[in-house]
Each structure stands twice: as C-alpha cells, then as structure tokens.
Amino acid sequence: MSPYTAFKQILLTESQRHPPCPTAEEAAAASKSTSKAEDDDEPAPAPPSPSLLPPSQTLALSLSRIGTPTQRIISGTLEELASLPEEEFGDPLHSVVIVGKRLHPLELEFAGRWCVGGENGDWWKVGKEVYGVERESL
C-alpha cells in the first residue's frame, strides 16, 4: 500500500470517529431520529470518544524505503500527510508512526527535521499546543 493510500484510509476512519459538530437544525433532526431508533429497538450510534485527537491534531510519520539511498521520512499531522501528493512519499511504505498521548522533546526535534512545512509547519504548533512539548533551545 502506498503512504498516500494509507493516510487517506486513516483520515476516512478518523472522520467517522470524529464527525463534524452538527448545526442546531441537524442536532434537532438527530434527536428526532434517535427517538425513532429507540422506538424501533435499534441501538443509537456511539458518540466519538473525547480522548481521541482529530486528524488536524494528531502527529504522524511516514517512512519509505528505509535503509536505501532513496529513503524518505515525512512528518506532520495526519491531515497534512493525507493532503500531500502521492509522489512525495514514494513506494514502498515501510512504517506509519502515529504519535500517542505523550511526546518527548527529543522526538519532537528529531522528527521535526522532516516535517511538512519546515519551520512553519503544523508539527511544531501541534507539538506545543496539543502535546505540551516546547522546542529545545540549541
């Protein structure tokens, strides 16, 4: 599977776990349909977990052709990685790393060497605002 396809599938899955916030009209309609579902004994869909980060706030890395002269490492948010053209990654994909709840400053700095957008990429902003990791002064 190409990295491009992998990130598109991850985003699809994440969008199902993190649906957009409904408008007032949509919430009212959902309330009515939930009442009908209860009447029909159908289970209501589970709400998204508050502990899951949306793709725009989830850091990840793509590693392709590791150990070869043409290896490629790209880091960024899931949203950024999924928006890159397939040519940016190259085949074959060796690993996709999705950062968990904690991030060490050394990990932020190391993976930041290959982040989408360079010094102005979301990698640094999300690392600080979401993961609570500041860049180390060199």
N, C-alpha and C. Protein backbone atom coordinates (compact mmCIF):
# COMPACT_ATOMS: atom_id res chain seq x y z
N MET A 1 0.84 -1.16 0.00
CA MET A 1 0.00 0.00 0.00
C MET A 1 0.89 1.24 0.00
N SER A 2 0.52 2.22 -0.76
CA SER A 2 1.31 3.45 -0.81
C SER A 2 1.01 4.29 0.44
N PRO A 3 1.96 5.14 0.86
CA PRO A 3 1.70 6.02 2.01
C PRO A 3 0.48 6.90 1.78
N TYR A 4 0.34 7.39 0.56
CA TYR A 4 -0.80 8.24 0.23
C TYR A 4 -2.12 7.52 0.52
N THR A 5 -2.23 6.29 0.08
CA THR A 5 -3.44 5.49 0.31
C THR A 5 -3.62 5.22 1.80
N ALA A 6 -2.53 4.92 2.49
CA ALA A 6 -2.61 4.65 3.93
C ALA A 6 -3.15 5.85 4.69
N PHE A 7 -2.64 7.03 4.40
CA PHE A 7 -3.10 8.23 5.12
C PHE A 7 -4.53 8.59 4.74
N LYS A 8 -4.92 8.38 3.51
CA LYS A 8 -6.31 8.62 3.11
C LYS A 8 -7.26 7.69 3.88
N GLN A 9 -6.86 6.43 4.05
CA GLN A 9 -7.69 5.48 4.78
C GLN A 9 -7.74 5.82 6.26
N ILE A 10 -6.62 6.26 6.82
CA ILE A 10 -6.60 6.68 8.23
C ILE A 10 -7.54 7.87 8.41
N LEU A 11 -7.48 8.84 7.50
CA LEU A 11 -8.36 10.01 7.61
C LEU A 11 -9.82 9.63 7.50
N LEU A 12 -10.13 8.70 6.62
CA LEU A 12 -11.51 8.24 6.47
C LEU A 12 -11.99 7.63 7.78
N THR A 13 -11.17 6.79 8.38
CA THR A 13 -11.54 6.17 9.65
C THR A 13 -11.70 7.23 10.74
N GLU A 14 -10.77 8.18 10.79
CA GLU A 14 -10.82 9.23 11.80
C GLU A 14 -12.05 10.11 11.61
N SER A 15 -12.42 10.39 10.36
CA SER A 15 -13.59 11.25 10.12
C SER A 15 -14.85 10.56 10.61
N GLN A 16 -14.86 9.22 10.59
CA GLN A 16 -16.02 8.50 11.09
C GLN A 16 -16.05 8.53 12.62
N ARG A 17 -14.86 8.58 13.25
CA ARG A 17 -14.81 8.64 14.71
C ARG A 17 -14.97 10.07 15.21
N HIS A 18 -14.70 11.06 14.37
CA HIS A 18 -14.80 12.47 14.74
C HIS A 18 -15.69 13.20 13.76
N PRO A 19 -16.99 12.94 13.79
CA PRO A 19 -17.86 13.65 12.85
C PRO A 19 -17.88 15.13 13.18
N PRO A 20 -18.11 15.98 12.17
CA PRO A 20 -18.17 17.41 12.43
C PRO A 20 -19.32 17.74 13.37
N CYS A 21 -19.19 18.83 14.10
CA CYS A 21 -20.23 19.25 15.04
C CYS A 21 -21.49 19.59 14.25
N PRO A 22 -22.64 19.08 14.68
CA PRO A 22 -23.87 19.36 13.94
C PRO A 22 -24.38 20.78 14.19
N THR A 23 -25.09 21.32 13.21
CA THR A 23 -25.75 22.60 13.38
C THR A 23 -26.96 22.38 14.28
N ALA A 24 -27.60 23.45 14.70
CA ALA A 24 -28.78 23.33 15.58
C ALA A 24 -29.88 22.52 14.90
N GLU A 25 -30.07 22.76 13.59
CA GLU A 25 -31.11 22.02 12.86
C GLU A 25 -30.76 20.53 12.77
N GLU A 26 -29.48 20.23 12.52
CA GLU A 26 -29.05 18.84 12.43
C GLU A 26 -29.19 18.13 13.78
N ALA A 27 -28.88 18.85 14.87
CA ALA A 27 -29.00 18.27 16.20
C ALA A 27 -30.46 17.95 16.51
N ALA A 28 -31.36 18.86 16.13
CA ALA A 28 -32.78 18.63 16.37
C ALA A 28 -33.27 17.43 15.56
N ALA A 29 -32.84 17.34 14.30
CA ALA A 29 -33.23 16.22 13.45
C ALA A 29 -32.67 14.91 14.01
N ALA A 30 -31.44 14.95 14.50
CA ALA A 30 -30.83 13.74 15.07
C ALA A 30 -31.57 13.31 16.32
N SER A 31 -32.02 14.28 17.10
CA SER A 31 -32.77 13.97 18.32
C SER A 31 -34.07 13.24 17.97
N LYS A 32 -34.74 13.71 16.92
CA LYS A 32 -35.97 13.06 16.48
C LYS A 32 -35.69 11.64 15.98
N SER A 33 -34.61 11.49 15.20
CA SER A 33 -34.31 10.16 14.66
C SER A 33 -33.84 9.23 15.77
N THR A 34 -33.19 9.76 16.81
CA THR A 34 -32.77 8.94 17.95
C THR A 34 -34.00 8.42 18.68
N SER A 35 -35.02 9.28 18.82
CA SER A 35 -36.26 8.85 19.47
C SER A 35 -36.90 7.73 18.67
N LYS A 36 -36.89 7.87 17.33
CA LYS A 36 -37.46 6.83 16.48
C LYS A 36 -36.65 5.54 16.59
N ALA A 37 -35.31 5.68 16.65
CA ALA A 37 -34.44 4.49 16.75
C ALA A 37 -34.72 3.76 18.06
N GLU A 38 -34.96 4.51 19.14
CA GLU A 38 -35.26 3.88 20.42
C GLU A 38 -36.59 3.14 20.34
N ASP A 39 -37.54 3.73 19.61
CA ASP A 39 -38.83 3.08 19.44
C ASP A 39 -38.69 1.79 18.62
N ASP A 40 -37.75 1.78 17.66
CA ASP A 40 -37.55 0.62 16.81
C ASP A 40 -36.58 -0.38 17.42
N ASP A 41 -36.11 -0.15 18.64
CA ASP A 41 -35.14 -1.00 19.33
C ASP A 41 -33.81 -1.13 18.59
N GLU A 42 -33.44 -0.10 17.81
CA GLU A 42 -32.15 -0.08 17.15
C GLU A 42 -31.18 0.69 18.04
N PRO A 43 -29.95 0.18 18.20
CA PRO A 43 -29.00 0.91 19.03
C PRO A 43 -28.58 2.22 18.37
N ALA A 44 -28.46 3.27 19.19
CA ALA A 44 -28.00 4.56 18.69
C ALA A 44 -26.50 4.51 18.51
N PRO A 45 -25.96 5.22 17.52
CA PRO A 45 -24.50 5.20 17.33
C PRO A 45 -23.80 5.82 18.53
N ALA A 46 -22.63 5.27 18.86
CA ALA A 46 -21.86 5.78 20.00
C ALA A 46 -21.25 7.13 19.65
N PRO A 47 -21.23 8.06 20.61
CA PRO A 47 -20.60 9.35 20.34
C PRO A 47 -19.09 9.18 20.26
N PRO A 48 -18.39 10.11 19.57
CA PRO A 48 -16.94 9.99 19.47
C PRO A 48 -16.30 10.13 20.85
N SER A 49 -15.22 9.41 21.06
CA SER A 49 -14.51 9.46 22.33
C SER A 49 -13.79 10.79 22.48
N PRO A 50 -13.92 11.45 23.65
CA PRO A 50 -13.23 12.72 23.84
C PRO A 50 -11.73 12.56 23.98
N SER A 51 -11.25 11.33 24.18
CA SER A 51 -9.81 11.12 24.34
C SER A 51 -9.08 10.97 23.01
N LEU A 52 -9.81 10.89 21.90
CA LEU A 52 -9.19 10.76 20.59
C LEU A 52 -8.92 12.14 19.99
N LEU A 53 -7.77 12.29 19.39
CA LEU A 53 -7.43 13.55 18.75
C LEU A 53 -7.91 13.55 17.30
N PRO A 54 -8.40 14.68 16.83
CA PRO A 54 -8.78 14.75 15.42
C PRO A 54 -7.53 14.76 14.54
N PRO A 55 -7.66 14.43 13.26
CA PRO A 55 -6.50 14.36 12.37
C PRO A 55 -5.66 15.63 12.32
N SER A 56 -6.27 16.79 12.50
CA SER A 56 -5.51 18.04 12.46
C SER A 56 -4.64 18.23 13.70
N GLN A 57 -4.85 17.39 14.73
CA GLN A 57 -4.07 17.49 15.96
C GLN A 57 -3.34 16.20 16.30
N THR A 58 -3.24 15.29 15.34
CA THR A 58 -2.55 14.02 15.56
C THR A 58 -1.27 14.01 14.74
N LEU A 59 -0.13 13.90 15.42
CA LEU A 59 1.16 13.87 14.73
C LEU A 59 1.46 12.46 14.23
N ALA A 60 2.09 12.37 13.06
CA ALA A 60 2.41 11.07 12.47
C ALA A 60 3.65 11.20 11.60
N LEU A 61 4.25 10.05 11.29
CA LEU A 61 5.41 9.99 10.41
C LEU A 61 5.20 8.90 9.37
N SER A 62 5.72 9.13 8.19
CA SER A 62 5.72 8.14 7.11
C SER A 62 7.18 7.80 6.82
N LEU A 63 7.50 6.51 6.78
CA LEU A 63 8.86 6.07 6.48
C LEU A 63 8.82 5.14 5.27
N SER A 64 9.50 5.52 4.21
CA SER A 64 9.52 4.73 2.98
C SER A 64 10.96 4.41 2.57
N ARG A 65 11.17 3.21 2.08
CA ARG A 65 12.46 2.75 1.55
C ARG A 65 13.60 2.94 2.55
N ILE A 66 13.36 2.72 3.81
CA ILE A 66 14.36 2.92 4.87
C ILE A 66 15.56 1.99 4.62
N GLY A 67 16.75 2.56 4.74
CA GLY A 67 17.97 1.79 4.55
C GLY A 67 18.50 1.83 3.13
N THR A 68 17.79 2.51 2.24
CA THR A 68 18.25 2.63 0.85
C THR A 68 18.72 4.07 0.63
N PRO A 69 19.45 4.31 -0.43
CA PRO A 69 19.90 5.68 -0.72
C PRO A 69 18.74 6.65 -0.99
N THR A 70 17.58 6.12 -1.32
CA THR A 70 16.42 6.99 -1.62
C THR A 70 15.37 6.95 -0.52
N GLN A 71 15.78 6.65 0.71
CA GLN A 71 14.79 6.59 1.80
C GLN A 71 14.11 7.94 1.96
N ARG A 72 12.89 7.90 2.49
CA ARG A 72 12.10 9.12 2.64
C ARG A 72 11.37 9.07 3.97
N ILE A 73 11.54 10.13 4.76
CA ILE A 73 10.82 10.28 6.02
C ILE A 73 10.07 11.59 5.94
N ILE A 74 8.80 11.57 6.27
CA ILE A 74 7.97 12.78 6.28
C ILE A 74 7.17 12.77 7.58
N SER A 75 7.15 13.91 8.27
CA SER A 75 6.36 14.02 9.49
C SER A 75 5.38 15.19 9.36
N GLY A 76 4.29 15.11 10.10
CA GLY A 76 3.28 16.16 10.09
C GLY A 76 2.03 15.67 10.78
N THR A 77 0.98 16.44 10.69
CA THR A 77 -0.30 15.97 11.22
C THR A 77 -0.88 14.98 10.22
N LEU A 78 -1.81 14.15 10.67
CA LEU A 78 -2.46 13.22 9.74
C LEU A 78 -3.09 13.99 8.58
N GLU A 79 -3.68 15.12 8.89
CA GLU A 79 -4.33 15.93 7.87
C GLU A 79 -3.32 16.43 6.83
N GLU A 80 -2.16 16.90 7.31
CA GLU A 80 -1.13 17.38 6.38
C GLU A 80 -0.61 16.25 5.50
N LEU A 81 -0.33 15.10 6.12
CA LEU A 81 0.23 13.98 5.36
C LEU A 81 -0.75 13.47 4.31
N ALA A 82 -2.03 13.46 4.66
CA ALA A 82 -3.05 12.99 3.71
C ALA A 82 -3.24 13.96 2.56
N SER A 83 -2.87 15.22 2.75
CA SER A 83 -3.05 16.20 1.68
C SER A 83 -1.87 16.26 0.70
N LEU A 84 -0.77 15.57 1.02
CA LEU A 84 0.39 15.58 0.13
C LEU A 84 0.13 14.71 -1.10
N PRO A 85 0.70 15.08 -2.23
CA PRO A 85 0.56 14.22 -3.42
C PRO A 85 1.33 12.93 -3.22
N GLU A 86 0.88 11.88 -3.85
CA GLU A 86 1.47 10.55 -3.70
C GLU A 86 2.96 10.54 -4.03
N GLU A 87 3.38 11.38 -4.98
CA GLU A 87 4.78 11.41 -5.39
C GLU A 87 5.72 11.83 -4.26
N GLU A 88 5.20 12.55 -3.27
CA GLU A 88 6.03 13.00 -2.15
C GLU A 88 6.56 11.83 -1.31
N PHE A 89 5.83 10.73 -1.27
CA PHE A 89 6.19 9.62 -0.40
C PHE A 89 7.08 8.60 -1.10
N GLY A 90 6.68 8.14 -2.24
CA GLY A 90 7.38 7.06 -2.91
C GLY A 90 7.02 5.72 -2.29
N ASP A 91 7.24 4.66 -3.02
CA ASP A 91 6.94 3.31 -2.54
C ASP A 91 8.23 2.58 -2.27
N PRO A 92 8.27 1.55 -1.52
CA PRO A 92 7.17 1.07 -0.69
C PRO A 92 7.17 1.75 0.68
N LEU A 93 6.01 1.78 1.28
CA LEU A 93 5.86 2.29 2.63
C LEU A 93 6.37 1.22 3.60
N HIS A 94 7.27 1.60 4.48
CA HIS A 94 7.75 0.66 5.49
C HIS A 94 6.98 0.80 6.79
N SER A 95 6.75 2.03 7.21
CA SER A 95 6.07 2.25 8.50
C SER A 95 5.28 3.54 8.49
N VAL A 96 4.19 3.51 9.23
CA VAL A 96 3.44 4.72 9.59
C VAL A 96 3.47 4.76 11.10
N VAL A 97 3.97 5.85 11.65
CA VAL A 97 4.04 6.01 13.09
C VAL A 97 3.04 7.09 13.48
N ILE A 98 2.09 6.74 14.33
CA ILE A 98 1.13 7.71 14.84
C ILE A 98 1.50 7.98 16.29
N VAL A 99 1.78 9.24 16.59
CA VAL A 99 2.23 9.62 17.93
C VAL A 99 1.08 9.47 18.92
N GLY A 100 1.37 8.86 20.06
CA GLY A 100 0.37 8.65 21.10
C GLY A 100 0.13 9.91 21.91
N LYS A 101 -0.28 9.73 23.16
CA LYS A 101 -0.64 10.86 24.01
C LYS A 101 0.55 11.67 24.50
N ARG A 102 1.74 11.04 24.52
CA ARG A 102 2.92 11.74 25.03
C ARG A 102 3.98 11.82 23.95
N LEU A 103 4.76 12.89 24.02
CA LEU A 103 5.82 13.12 23.06
C LEU A 103 7.00 13.72 23.82
N HIS A 104 8.17 13.17 23.64
CA HIS A 104 9.38 13.67 24.29
C HIS A 104 9.97 14.79 23.44
N PRO A 105 10.58 15.80 24.07
CA PRO A 105 11.19 16.88 23.29
C PRO A 105 12.20 16.40 22.24
N LEU A 106 12.94 15.35 22.56
CA LEU A 106 13.90 14.80 21.60
C LEU A 106 13.19 14.23 20.37
N GLU A 107 12.05 13.58 20.59
CA GLU A 107 11.27 13.03 19.48
C GLU A 107 10.72 14.15 18.61
N LEU A 108 10.24 15.21 19.25
CA LEU A 108 9.72 16.36 18.51
C LEU A 108 10.80 16.94 17.61
N GLU A 109 11.99 17.17 18.17
CA GLU A 109 13.10 17.75 17.41
C GLU A 109 13.56 16.82 16.29
N PHE A 110 13.73 15.54 16.60
CA PHE A 110 14.24 14.60 15.61
C PHE A 110 13.30 14.49 14.42
N ALA A 111 12.03 14.20 14.68
CA ALA A 111 11.07 14.03 13.58
C ALA A 111 10.77 15.36 12.90
N GLY A 112 10.96 16.46 13.61
CA GLY A 112 10.73 17.77 13.03
C GLY A 112 11.67 18.10 11.88
N ARG A 113 12.77 17.36 11.78
CA ARG A 113 13.71 17.57 10.67
C ARG A 113 13.05 17.29 9.34
N TRP A 114 12.01 16.47 9.32
CA TRP A 114 11.35 16.07 8.08
C TRP A 114 9.89 16.52 8.03
N CYS A 115 9.53 17.55 8.79
CA CYS A 115 8.11 17.91 8.87
C CYS A 115 7.63 18.69 7.64
N VAL A 116 6.38 18.49 7.33
CA VAL A 116 5.71 19.21 6.25
C VAL A 116 5.70 20.69 6.65
N GLY A 117 6.09 21.55 5.75
CA GLY A 117 6.07 22.98 6.02
C GLY A 117 7.32 23.50 6.71
N GLY A 118 8.29 22.64 6.99
CA GLY A 118 9.54 23.08 7.61
C GLY A 118 9.32 23.79 8.94
N GLU A 119 10.02 24.88 9.14
CA GLU A 119 9.95 25.62 10.41
C GLU A 119 8.55 26.19 10.67
N ASN A 120 7.76 26.39 9.63
CA ASN A 120 6.42 26.96 9.78
C ASN A 120 5.32 25.90 9.75
N GLY A 121 5.69 24.63 9.78
CA GLY A 121 4.70 23.56 9.70
C GLY A 121 3.90 23.39 10.98
N ASP A 122 2.78 22.70 10.85
CA ASP A 122 1.91 22.44 12.00
C ASP A 122 2.57 21.51 13.02
N TRP A 123 3.61 20.78 12.62
CA TRP A 123 4.30 19.86 13.53
C TRP A 123 4.67 20.57 14.83
N TRP A 124 5.26 21.75 14.71
CA TRP A 124 5.75 22.49 15.88
C TRP A 124 4.59 23.05 16.70
N LYS A 125 3.60 23.58 16.01
CA LYS A 125 2.43 24.17 16.70
C LYS A 125 1.66 23.09 17.46
N VAL A 126 1.39 21.97 16.82
CA VAL A 126 0.63 20.88 17.46
C VAL A 126 1.47 20.27 18.58
N GLY A 127 2.78 20.14 18.35
CA GLY A 127 3.65 19.62 19.41
C GLY A 127 3.55 20.44 20.68
N LYS A 128 3.49 21.75 20.52
CA LYS A 128 3.42 22.65 21.68
C LYS A 128 2.01 22.73 22.26
N GLU A 129 1.02 22.99 21.41
CA GLU A 129 -0.34 23.25 21.89
C GLU A 129 -1.10 22.00 22.31
N VAL A 130 -0.87 20.88 21.64
CA VAL A 130 -1.64 19.67 21.91
C VAL A 130 -0.86 18.70 22.81
N TYR A 131 0.42 18.50 22.47
CA TYR A 131 1.24 17.54 23.23
C TYR A 131 2.00 18.19 24.37
N GLY A 132 2.02 19.53 24.43
CA GLY A 132 2.67 20.24 25.53
C GLY A 132 4.19 20.17 25.51
N VAL A 133 4.76 20.05 24.32
CA VAL A 133 6.22 19.94 24.19
C VAL A 133 6.77 21.18 23.50
N GLU A 134 7.67 21.86 24.16
CA GLU A 134 8.33 23.04 23.60
C GLU A 134 9.59 22.62 22.86
N ARG A 135 9.94 23.36 21.85
CA ARG A 135 11.21 23.12 21.15
C ARG A 135 12.36 23.46 22.09
N GLU A 136 13.39 22.65 22.03
CA GLU A 136 14.57 22.89 22.85
C GLU A 136 15.41 23.98 22.20
N SER A 137 15.97 24.85 23.02
CA SER A 137 16.87 25.89 22.52
C SER A 137 18.22 25.25 22.22
N LEU A 138 18.72 25.52 21.05
CA LEU A 138 20.03 24.95 20.68
C LEU A 138 21.11 25.98 20.79
